[in-house]
Amino acid sequence: MIKLYAGGSPNVVKIYLALEEMALPYEAISVDVFAGHQFSDEFKRLNPAAKIPVIVDEDGPGGKPFTLFESGAILLYLADKTGKFLATDPATRYHTIQWMQVQMTGIGPMFGQFVHFMRFAPKGNDYSLNRYRTQMHRYLELLEGRLTEAPYLGGQDYSIADMATWPWARLAPALAGQTVAQNFPKVTAWAAKISEHPAAKRALAAVDEIRTKATPFDKAPAETLDRVFGRGSYAAA
């Protein structure tokens, strides 16, 4: 059994999706981010960075419990554990890892910062909002080019690179506008195809359920929001 410490963010959705696609038994444990639960001593023993997702695999390497954080590392671990969704052929394997890293180092941070300045930041941050909107479009163009060459990000087969990217890309119409379908038809079709996977539907249903247990942003204590966003008395300067 794998324990998944979870919330509703795209980085958590990718682990739900992988667990469902790989048919691994798991238990989801809610970490209420806007209540500050990730800052508890108990949780920081699992992840000193105070972030979700985290997994604890009771049947880890050598049959011993194994704790792992960072979504990219978790995807690689689960793929190696099951022998699924990551090719053994070196060229295909590293192409898959390469495109997963595009999500980890680019798509996630750029989309995430856009969401922050669109939803959470005070008004008057036009430079930041425009910068991250532009970066988001840049990465959609990159995905469109890749999916013009191959049906999936790693190549011919569905892989952990797609699982990493889909939770962010599926939000593109809501973030970048309804012209996404017209401007990025390959991305749109690819995301829609994954959305029809039974595992993807189960993953999103599980996320919806855990969100019902979470503190809404507008109900969060001001001090907790300051700590989450690194502002106020938690700002470095």
Protein backbone atom coordinates (compact mmCIF):
# COMPACT_ATOMS: atom_id res chain seq x y z
CA MET A 1 0.00 0.00 0.00
CA ILE A 2 1.19 3.49 -0.87
CA LYS A 3 0.17 6.50 1.21
CA LEU A 4 -0.23 9.62 -0.91
CA TYR A 5 -0.12 12.91 0.98
CA ALA A 6 -2.26 15.00 -1.28
CA GLY A 7 -4.21 18.12 -2.11
CA GLY A 8 -5.75 19.41 -5.31
CA SER A 9 -2.80 20.92 -7.17
CA PRO A 10 -1.70 19.71 -10.63
CA ASN A 11 1.53 18.35 -9.15
CA VAL A 12 -0.59 16.07 -6.96
CA VAL A 13 -2.96 15.18 -9.80
CA LYS A 14 -0.06 13.68 -11.76
CA ILE A 15 0.64 11.23 -8.92
CA TYR A 16 -3.03 10.29 -8.60
CA LEU A 17 -3.01 9.64 -12.35
CA ALA A 18 0.12 7.49 -12.21
CA LEU A 19 -1.17 5.42 -9.30
CA GLU A 20 -4.43 4.84 -11.11
CA GLU A 21 -2.80 4.04 -14.46
CA MET A 22 -0.37 1.64 -12.80
CA ALA A 23 -3.14 -0.02 -10.75
CA LEU A 24 -1.22 0.48 -7.51
CA PRO A 25 -3.23 0.33 -4.28
CA TYR A 26 -3.01 3.63 -2.39
CA GLU A 27 -4.53 5.65 0.40
CA ALA A 28 -4.89 9.41 -0.04
CA ILE A 29 -4.22 11.52 3.03
CA SER A 30 -5.41 15.12 2.83
CA VAL A 31 -2.86 17.85 3.52
CA ASP A 32 -4.83 21.07 3.95
CA VAL A 33 -2.46 23.62 2.44
CA PHE A 34 -4.49 26.75 3.20
CA ALA A 35 -4.81 25.59 6.80
CA GLY A 36 -1.01 25.30 6.95
CA HIS A 37 -0.86 21.56 7.65
CA GLN A 38 2.23 21.22 5.45
CA PHE A 39 4.19 23.28 7.99
CA SER A 40 3.58 20.87 10.85
CA ASP A 41 6.59 19.09 12.34
CA GLU A 42 4.96 15.76 11.51
CA PHE A 43 4.62 16.57 7.83
CA LYS A 44 8.06 18.19 7.56
CA ARG A 45 9.57 14.93 8.74
CA LEU A 46 8.20 13.52 5.48
CA ASN A 47 9.19 16.51 3.37
CA PRO A 48 11.37 19.22 4.89
CA ALA A 49 10.41 21.49 1.98
CA ALA A 50 6.80 21.50 3.33
CA LYS A 51 5.25 20.68 -0.06
CA ILE A 52 2.95 18.08 -1.51
CA PRO A 53 2.88 15.48 -2.98
CA VAL A 54 4.70 12.96 -0.82
CA ILE A 55 4.39 9.19 -0.95
CA VAL A 56 5.21 6.58 1.65
CA ASP A 57 5.50 3.14 0.05
CA GLU A 58 5.09 0.49 2.73
CA ASP A 59 6.66 -2.02 0.33
CA GLY A 60 9.63 0.03 -0.81
CA PRO A 61 13.10 -1.11 -1.86
CA GLY A 62 14.14 -4.15 0.11
CA GLY A 63 10.59 -4.54 1.37
CA LYS A 64 11.03 -1.59 3.74
CA PRO A 65 8.90 1.58 4.03
CA PHE A 66 10.19 4.27 1.69
CA THR A 67 9.34 7.99 1.70
CA LEU A 68 9.73 10.15 -1.40
CA PHE A 69 8.85 13.72 -2.30
CA GLU A 70 9.04 15.82 -5.50
CA SER A 71 6.55 14.73 -8.14
CA GLY A 72 9.13 14.00 -10.86
CA ALA A 73 11.10 11.71 -8.56
CA ILE A 74 7.88 9.99 -7.51
CA LEU A 75 6.88 9.35 -11.15
CA LEU A 76 10.28 7.83 -11.92
CA TYR A 77 10.09 5.67 -8.81
CA LEU A 78 6.60 4.39 -9.60
CA ALA A 79 7.55 3.66 -13.21
CA ASP A 80 10.60 1.68 -12.09
CA LYS A 81 8.60 -0.09 -9.37
CA THR A 82 5.98 -1.33 -11.82
CA GLY A 83 7.98 -1.51 -15.03
CA LYS A 84 5.30 0.58 -16.73
CA PHE A 85 5.17 3.84 -18.72
CA LEU A 86 8.95 4.31 -19.00
CA ALA A 87 10.76 2.49 -21.78
CA THR A 88 13.83 0.35 -21.18
CA ASP A 89 15.30 1.33 -24.56
CA PRO A 90 17.82 4.05 -23.60
CA ALA A 91 16.96 6.53 -26.35
CA THR A 92 13.20 6.35 -25.75
CA ARG A 93 13.70 6.34 -21.98
CA TYR A 94 15.76 9.52 -22.01
CA HIS A 95 13.47 11.27 -24.48
CA THR A 96 10.66 10.55 -22.01
CA ILE A 97 12.68 11.87 -19.07
CA GLN A 98 13.69 14.89 -21.15
CA TRP A 99 10.07 15.86 -21.81
CA MET A 100 9.12 15.19 -18.20
CA GLN A 101 11.85 17.63 -17.21
CA VAL A 102 10.34 20.23 -19.55
CA GLN A 103 7.24 20.01 -17.38
CA MET A 104 9.17 20.04 -14.12
CA THR A 105 11.47 22.95 -14.93
CA GLY A 106 9.29 24.98 -17.29
CA ILE A 107 5.61 24.22 -17.68
CA GLY A 108 4.89 23.76 -13.98
CA PRO A 109 6.75 26.84 -12.75
CA MET A 110 5.53 29.12 -15.57
CA PHE A 111 1.89 28.01 -15.40
CA GLY A 112 2.05 28.10 -11.61
CA GLN A 113 3.40 31.64 -11.49
CA PHE A 114 0.74 32.77 -13.94
CA VAL A 115 -1.94 31.29 -11.67
CA HIS A 116 -0.38 33.02 -8.68
CA PHE A 117 -0.37 36.48 -10.25
CA MET A 118 -3.78 35.96 -11.83
CA ARG A 119 -5.53 34.61 -8.75
CA PHE A 120 -3.63 35.40 -5.58
CA ALA A 121 -1.47 38.50 -6.06
CA PRO A 122 -2.70 42.06 -5.43
CA LYS A 123 -3.80 44.08 -8.43
CA GLY A 124 -1.17 46.11 -10.27
CA ASN A 125 1.17 43.26 -11.23
CA ASP A 126 0.70 43.65 -14.97
CA TYR A 127 4.37 43.09 -15.78
CA SER A 128 4.46 39.78 -13.89
CA LEU A 129 1.10 38.64 -15.23
CA ASN A 130 2.09 39.40 -18.82
CA ARG A 131 5.50 37.78 -18.40
CA TYR A 132 4.06 34.49 -17.20
CA ARG A 133 1.23 34.55 -19.72
CA THR A 134 3.86 34.88 -22.45
CA GLN A 135 5.91 32.02 -20.99
CA MET A 136 2.80 29.86 -20.77
CA HIS A 137 2.10 30.43 -24.47
CA ARG A 138 5.73 29.67 -25.26
CA TYR A 139 5.48 26.27 -23.61
CA LEU A 140 2.18 25.52 -25.31
CA GLU A 141 3.92 26.21 -28.61
CA LEU A 142 6.70 23.83 -27.58
CA LEU A 143 4.18 21.09 -26.74
CA GLU A 144 2.33 21.69 -30.00
CA GLY A 145 5.55 21.18 -31.94
CA ARG A 146 6.39 17.97 -30.10
CA LEU A 147 2.89 16.53 -30.51
CA THR A 148 3.05 17.33 -34.23
CA GLU A 149 6.07 15.00 -34.42
CA ALA A 150 4.80 12.19 -32.18
CA PRO A 151 1.50 11.09 -30.61
CA TYR A 152 2.91 11.36 -27.08
CA LEU A 153 5.59 13.44 -25.45
CA GLY A 154 8.01 10.55 -25.04
CA GLY A 155 7.39 9.26 -28.55
CA GLN A 156 5.00 6.58 -29.75
CA ASP A 157 3.78 5.44 -26.35
CA TYR A 158 1.94 7.04 -23.43
CA SER A 159 4.38 7.59 -20.57
CA ILE A 160 5.14 9.38 -17.33
CA ALA A 161 6.03 12.47 -19.41
CA ASP A 162 2.38 12.70 -20.45
CA MET A 163 1.20 12.02 -16.89
CA ALA A 164 3.41 14.85 -15.64
CA THR A 165 2.19 17.36 -18.22
CA TRP A 166 -1.50 16.57 -18.64
CA PRO A 167 -2.67 18.04 -15.28
CA TRP A 168 -1.24 21.42 -16.32
CA ALA A 169 -2.06 21.34 -20.03
CA ARG A 170 -5.68 20.37 -19.49
CA LEU A 171 -6.12 23.71 -17.68
CA ALA A 172 -4.79 25.73 -20.62
CA PRO A 173 -8.22 26.85 -21.95
CA ALA A 174 -9.17 28.17 -18.51
CA LEU A 175 -5.83 29.96 -18.13
CA ALA A 176 -4.95 31.06 -21.64
CA GLY A 177 -8.43 31.53 -23.10
CA GLN A 178 -10.71 29.62 -25.41
CA THR A 179 -8.45 30.28 -28.40
CA VAL A 180 -6.21 27.49 -27.10
CA ALA A 181 -8.18 24.87 -29.06
CA GLN A 182 -7.70 26.87 -32.28
CA ASN A 183 -4.07 27.81 -31.70
CA PHE A 184 -2.89 24.51 -30.22
CA PRO A 185 -5.02 21.75 -31.77
CA LYS A 186 -2.50 18.96 -31.14
CA VAL A 187 -2.21 19.84 -27.45
CA THR A 188 -5.98 20.07 -27.17
CA ALA A 189 -6.56 16.67 -28.80
CA TRP A 190 -3.81 15.01 -26.76
CA ALA A 191 -5.20 16.39 -23.48
CA ALA A 192 -8.74 15.35 -24.43
CA LYS A 193 -7.57 11.82 -25.24
CA ILE A 194 -5.91 11.41 -21.84
CA SER A 195 -8.95 12.91 -20.12
CA GLU A 196 -10.99 10.00 -21.50
CA HIS A 197 -8.78 7.40 -19.80
CA PRO A 198 -10.71 5.67 -17.01
CA ALA A 199 -7.67 6.22 -14.79
CA ALA A 200 -7.75 9.97 -15.47
CA LYS A 201 -11.44 10.12 -14.59
CA ARG A 202 -10.81 8.23 -11.36
CA ALA A 203 -7.88 10.51 -10.54
CA LEU A 204 -9.93 13.68 -10.99
CA ALA A 205 -12.79 12.22 -8.95
CA ALA A 206 -10.35 11.46 -6.13
CA VAL A 207 -8.98 15.00 -6.31
CA ASP A 208 -12.49 16.46 -6.18
CA GLU A 209 -13.19 14.39 -3.09
CA ILE A 210 -10.06 15.54 -1.28
CA ARG A 211 -10.78 19.17 -2.18
CA THR A 212 -14.03 18.95 -0.23
CA LYS A 213 -11.91 18.48 2.91
CA ALA A 214 -9.66 21.46 2.21
CA THR A 215 -9.87 25.03 3.49
CA PRO A 216 -10.89 27.40 0.66
CA PHE A 217 -8.44 30.17 -0.17
CA ASP A 218 -10.90 32.87 0.90
CA LYS A 219 -11.35 31.21 4.30
CA ALA A 220 -7.65 30.78 5.03
CA PRO A 221 -6.08 32.69 7.96
CA ALA A 222 -4.10 35.71 6.79
CA GLU A 223 -0.95 34.55 8.54
CA THR A 224 -1.15 31.14 6.85
CA LEU A 225 -1.49 32.78 3.43
CA ASP A 226 1.53 34.96 4.21
CA ARG A 227 3.52 31.84 5.06
CA VAL A 228 2.35 29.93 1.98
CA PHE A 229 3.18 32.81 -0.37
CA GLY A 230 6.32 34.03 1.42
CA ARG A 231 5.03 37.50 2.09
CA GLY A 232 4.43 39.78 5.10
CA SER A 233 6.51 38.70 8.10
CA TYR A 234 7.66 35.62 6.09
CA ALA A 235 9.22 37.67 3.28
CA ALA A 236 13.01 37.54 3.05
CA ALA A 237 13.21 41.30 2.58
